[in-house]
Protein backbone atom coordinates (compact mmCIF):
# COMPACT_ATOMS: atom_id res chain seq x y z
CA MET A 1 0.00 0.00 0.00
CA LYS A 2 1.31 3.44 -0.99
CA ALA A 3 0.31 6.70 0.71
CA ARG A 4 -0.02 9.81 -1.46
CA THR A 5 -1.03 13.35 -0.59
CA THR A 6 -1.08 16.87 -1.92
CA PRO A 7 0.85 19.55 0.06
CA ASN A 8 -0.44 20.02 3.64
CA SER A 9 -2.65 16.92 3.43
CA THR A 10 -1.56 14.11 5.74
CA ILE A 11 -1.87 10.39 6.32
CA ASP A 12 -0.98 9.40 9.88
CA LYS A 13 -0.63 5.88 11.22
CA THR A 14 -2.85 5.32 14.24
CA GLU A 15 -2.86 2.46 16.73
CA ASN A 16 -5.15 0.31 14.58
CA GLY A 17 -5.27 2.07 11.22
CA TYR A 18 -4.88 5.38 9.44
CA LEU A 19 -6.11 8.98 9.58
CA LEU A 20 -6.39 10.67 6.17
CA LYS A 21 -6.74 14.44 6.42
CA ILE A 22 -7.06 17.31 3.95
CA PRO A 23 -6.59 20.93 5.09
CA GLU A 24 -8.97 23.86 4.95
CA GLY A 25 -8.78 25.71 1.65
CA ASP A 26 -10.53 27.59 -1.11
CA SER A 27 -11.59 26.39 -4.56
CA SER A 28 -8.27 27.16 -6.24
CA SER A 29 -6.40 23.94 -5.47
CA TYR A 30 -6.90 20.20 -5.43
CA ARG A 31 -6.43 18.55 -2.02
CA PHE A 32 -6.34 14.81 -1.46
CA ALA A 33 -5.02 12.04 0.77
CA GLN A 34 -5.01 8.51 -0.60
CA ILE A 35 -3.81 4.99 0.11
CA ASP A 36 -3.69 2.54 -2.79
CA ASP A 37 -1.92 -0.60 -3.97
CA TYR A 38 -1.59 0.15 -7.71
CA PHE A 39 0.55 3.30 -7.98
CA GLY A 40 3.23 2.92 -10.63
CA LEU A 41 1.48 -0.02 -12.32
CA SER A 42 -0.15 -0.07 -15.73
CA ARG A 43 -3.86 -0.90 -15.57
CA ARG A 44 -3.32 -4.40 -16.96
CA LYS A 45 -1.02 -5.13 -14.00
CA PHE A 46 -3.42 -3.96 -11.27
CA PRO A 47 -3.33 -6.62 -8.54
CA HIS A 48 -6.91 -7.82 -7.96
CA HIS A 49 -9.28 -10.16 -9.83
CA SER A 50 -11.53 -10.73 -6.81
CA LEU A 51 -11.36 -9.31 -3.31
CA THR A 52 -12.96 -9.01 0.11
CA LEU A 53 -12.30 -5.70 1.85
CA SER A 54 -13.30 -5.06 5.45
CA LEU A 55 -12.61 -2.11 7.71
CA ARG A 56 -14.10 0.24 10.27
CA ALA A 57 -14.37 3.91 9.34
CA LYS A 58 -15.76 7.30 10.25
CA THR A 59 -15.56 10.80 8.76
CA SER A 60 -15.38 14.34 10.09
CA SER A 61 -18.77 15.41 8.70
CA ILE A 62 -21.94 14.06 7.08
CA SER A 63 -21.37 15.80 3.75
CA LEU A 64 -17.72 16.25 2.90
CA PRO A 65 -17.09 18.77 0.05
CA GLY A 66 -15.78 16.53 -2.71
CA THR A 67 -15.55 12.74 -2.70
CA TRP A 68 -14.28 10.02 -0.39
CA GLY A 69 -14.54 6.30 0.00
CA PHE A 70 -12.92 2.90 -0.19
CA GLY A 71 -13.08 0.01 -2.63
CA LEU A 72 -11.76 -0.95 -6.04
CA TRP A 73 -11.35 0.74 -9.40
CA ASN A 74 -9.27 0.85 -12.59
CA ASP A 75 -8.19 4.50 -12.14
CA PRO A 76 -10.14 5.55 -15.27
CA PHE A 77 -9.62 9.31 -14.89
CA GLY A 78 -5.83 9.21 -14.76
CA ALA A 79 -5.37 11.81 -17.47
CA SER A 80 -8.48 13.96 -17.15
CA LEU A 81 -9.81 14.59 -13.69
CA GLY A 82 -7.78 13.78 -10.63
CA PHE A 83 -9.17 11.41 -8.07
CA GLY A 84 -5.57 10.71 -7.12
CA GLY A 85 -4.87 9.43 -10.60
CA ARG A 86 -1.66 9.66 -12.57
CA ARG A 87 -2.04 12.57 -14.98
CA TRP A 88 0.10 10.95 -17.67
CA GLN A 89 -2.25 7.98 -18.04
CA LEU A 90 -4.92 8.12 -20.74
CA PRO A 91 -8.54 7.96 -19.54
CA THR A 92 -10.63 4.84 -20.06
CA LEU A 93 -14.14 3.61 -19.25
CA PRO A 94 -14.80 2.97 -15.55
CA ASN A 95 -14.69 -0.34 -13.72
CA ALA A 96 -15.25 0.08 -10.00
CA ALA A 97 -16.97 -1.30 -6.90
CA TRP A 98 -16.85 0.75 -3.71
CA PHE A 99 -18.43 2.58 -0.82
CA PHE A 100 -18.53 6.06 -2.32
CA GLY A 101 -19.27 9.43 -0.72
CA ALA A 102 -20.14 12.29 -3.09
CA SER A 103 -21.16 15.84 -2.19
CA GLU A 104 -24.14 17.50 -3.87
CA GLN A 105 -21.99 19.05 -6.63
CA ASN A 106 -21.28 15.57 -7.99
CA TYR A 107 -23.40 13.58 -10.42
CA LEU A 108 -21.54 10.33 -10.98
CA SER A 109 -24.02 8.22 -12.92
CA PHE A 110 -24.73 7.69 -16.60
CA THR A 111 -28.37 6.74 -16.03
CA ASP A 112 -31.37 8.75 -14.85
CA ASP A 113 -32.69 6.24 -12.32
CA LYS A 114 -29.68 5.63 -10.04
CA PRO A 115 -28.51 7.73 -7.08
CA ALA A 116 -25.51 9.85 -8.03
CA GLN A 117 -24.79 11.78 -4.80
CA GLY A 118 -24.59 11.10 -1.09
CA PHE A 119 -23.18 7.92 0.45
CA LEU A 120 -23.52 5.05 -2.01
CA ALA A 121 -22.81 1.41 -2.65
CA GLN A 122 -21.85 1.68 -6.29
CA THR A 123 -20.48 -0.46 -9.12
CA PHE A 124 -19.53 0.09 -12.76
CA ARG A 125 -18.64 -2.45 -15.45
CA SER A 126 -17.25 -1.34 -18.79
CA PRO A 127 -15.62 -3.02 -21.79
CA LYS A 128 -12.25 -1.91 -23.08
CA PHE A 129 -13.96 -0.85 -26.30
CA HIS A 130 -17.50 -0.78 -27.69
CA PRO A 131 -18.69 0.28 -31.20
CA LEU A 132 -21.06 2.84 -29.65
CA LEU A 133 -18.07 4.80 -28.35
CA ILE A 134 -17.49 6.14 -31.86
CA PRO A 135 -20.91 7.82 -32.23
CA ALA A 136 -20.74 8.87 -28.57
CA GLY A 137 -17.52 10.77 -29.25
CA VAL A 138 -18.89 12.27 -32.47
CA SER A 139 -22.10 13.45 -30.78
CA LEU A 140 -20.41 15.06 -27.76
CA PRO A 141 -19.89 18.54 -29.30
CA PHE A 142 -23.48 18.59 -30.59
CA SER A 143 -25.58 16.69 -28.05
CA ARG A 144 -24.24 15.91 -24.62
CA LYS A 145 -27.56 14.32 -23.70
CA GLY A 146 -27.15 12.04 -26.71
CA THR A 147 -23.61 11.15 -25.66
CA ARG A 148 -24.76 10.38 -22.14
CA LYS A 149 -27.52 8.11 -23.47
CA LEU A 150 -25.05 6.21 -25.63
CA LEU A 151 -22.65 5.83 -22.71
CA SER A 152 -25.46 4.40 -20.59
CA LYS A 153 -25.72 1.59 -23.15
CA VAL A 154 -21.97 0.89 -22.92
CA ILE A 155 -21.35 1.29 -19.18
CA ALA A 156 -23.31 -1.03 -16.91
CA GLU A 157 -23.85 0.40 -13.45
CA ASP A 158 -25.75 -0.25 -10.25
CA SER A 159 -25.98 1.65 -6.98
CA SER A 160 -27.93 2.14 -3.80
CA ALA A 161 -28.11 5.09 -1.42
CA LEU A 162 -27.07 4.10 2.11
CA SER A 163 -28.64 5.54 5.25
CA VAL A 164 -25.57 5.57 7.48
CA ASP A 165 -24.28 8.20 9.89
CA VAL A 166 -20.75 8.22 8.50
CA THR A 167 -19.47 10.39 11.37
CA GLN A 168 -19.82 7.38 13.67
CA TRP A 169 -17.77 4.20 13.62
CA HIS A 170 -19.26 1.50 11.40
CA ALA A 171 -17.93 -1.77 10.07
CA TYR A 172 -17.91 -1.99 6.27
CA ARG A 173 -17.32 -5.04 4.09
CA LEU A 174 -17.17 -5.31 0.32
CA GLU A 175 -17.09 -8.71 -1.39
CA TRP A 176 -16.23 -8.65 -5.09
CA SER A 177 -16.19 -11.69 -7.37
CA GLN A 178 -16.54 -11.95 -11.12
CA LYS A 179 -20.26 -12.79 -10.76
CA ARG A 180 -21.46 -10.28 -8.16
CA VAL A 181 -20.62 -7.56 -5.65
CA VAL A 182 -22.02 -7.49 -2.10
CA TRP A 183 -21.90 -4.65 0.44
CA TYR A 184 -22.33 -5.00 4.21
CA VAL A 185 -22.56 -2.39 6.97
CA ASP A 186 -22.20 -3.64 10.54
CA ASP A 187 -22.53 -7.21 9.22
CA ALA A 188 -25.92 -6.45 7.67
CA LEU A 189 -26.37 -6.89 3.92
CA VAL A 190 -27.17 -3.46 2.47
CA PHE A 191 -26.84 -4.07 -1.27
CA GLU A 192 -26.05 -6.82 -3.77
CA SER A 193 -25.53 -6.49 -7.50
CA PRO A 194 -24.76 -8.77 -10.47
CA VAL A 195 -22.95 -5.83 -12.11
CA SER A 196 -19.40 -6.87 -11.38
CA PRO A 197 -16.52 -4.73 -12.68
CA ASN A 198 -14.05 -6.20 -15.10
CA PRO A 199 -10.65 -6.99 -13.57
CA PRO A 200 -7.92 -6.26 -12.86
CA LEU A 201 -8.60 -3.53 -10.30
CA GLY A 202 -6.67 -1.69 -7.62
CA LEU A 203 -7.58 -1.01 -4.01
CA VAL A 204 -8.14 2.67 -3.18
CA ILE A 205 -9.00 4.56 0.04
CA TRP A 206 -9.20 8.34 -0.30
CA ILE A 207 -10.61 11.73 0.62
CA ASP A 208 -10.47 14.81 -1.64
CA ASN A 209 -12.17 18.12 -2.46
CA GLN A 210 -13.02 17.37 -6.10
CA PHE A 211 -16.35 17.08 -7.87
CA ALA A 212 -17.40 15.72 -11.25
CA SER A 213 -20.82 15.63 -12.88
CA PHE A 214 -22.55 14.57 -16.08
CA THR A 215 -26.20 15.36 -15.43
CA PRO A 216 -29.32 13.98 -17.17
CA GLU A 217 -29.64 17.40 -18.83
CA GLY A 218 -26.25 16.87 -20.45
CA LYS A 219 -24.33 19.36 -18.32
CA ILE A 220 -20.69 18.42 -17.69
CA GLY A 221 -18.80 19.92 -14.80
CA PHE A 222 -15.73 19.24 -12.70
CA GLY A 223 -13.49 21.17 -10.39
CA VAL A 224 -12.46 21.58 -6.76
CA LEU A 225 -14.43 22.90 -3.81
CA GLU A 226 -13.82 25.21 -0.90
CA GLY A 227 -13.90 23.44 2.44
CA LYS A 228 -12.84 23.19 6.04
CA GLU A 229 -10.34 20.68 7.34
CA GLU A 230 -11.83 17.23 6.78
CA TRP A 231 -10.72 13.70 7.56
CA LEU A 232 -11.42 10.02 7.08
CA GLU A 233 -10.29 7.64 9.81
CA LEU A 234 -10.13 3.87 9.40
CA GLU A 235 -9.05 0.90 11.44
CA ASP A 236 -9.02 -2.91 11.34
CA LEU A 237 -8.27 -2.94 7.61
CA ILE A 238 -8.28 -6.48 6.17
CA VAL A 239 -7.80 -7.26 2.49
CA LYS A 240 -8.24 -10.78 1.08
CA SER A 241 -7.48 -10.96 -2.60
CA GLY A 242 -8.45 -13.87 -4.84
């Protein structure tokens, strides 16, 4: 596991885990603290083809300005957004399964019937290439709604809003196999989905002040948000990779 931060953000080792903290700041700079196990690897060499992740976690506030969470992904935004990605890496379609926290400025869904903000159990499955990507790219300058509709046919996704007070300690468990993904909170099943992301994936735990949105109206937005000092604390981290 590698720890990465922007200036003045910190990751401190605690007795049983880690404290990830980003400082107070305005909307002029990106701030993040992240732990992952894929930094420096090409996507095809990401370490996991199935995984069970369990940990206990709590945050500094109910609605952090930006995003935070823990789970698995293929670092799809490496060249475009941030999300702790490597800026030299070309973007790709998303494959991810995670507990995901997103402030109200975010809209991270390609469909109109799935939750795209708040605290979510969320999964994406995408192919490396699909013929519809060509018309989706062509239509983007002319009809963003049309592009979004085409992407919804290429990217399979599933999600559920979770009613959890994230400022209190809770036990989280994510079980990912090639046939399904299952989410538990305090040993209770909270969501299960057959939409399983395509491997290989990397483990990521992060907090940042970034937002990204592609709304049903076709509006695209991304940037960084003003915020107070915020943190994500975790303990009892266990990773079992298949």
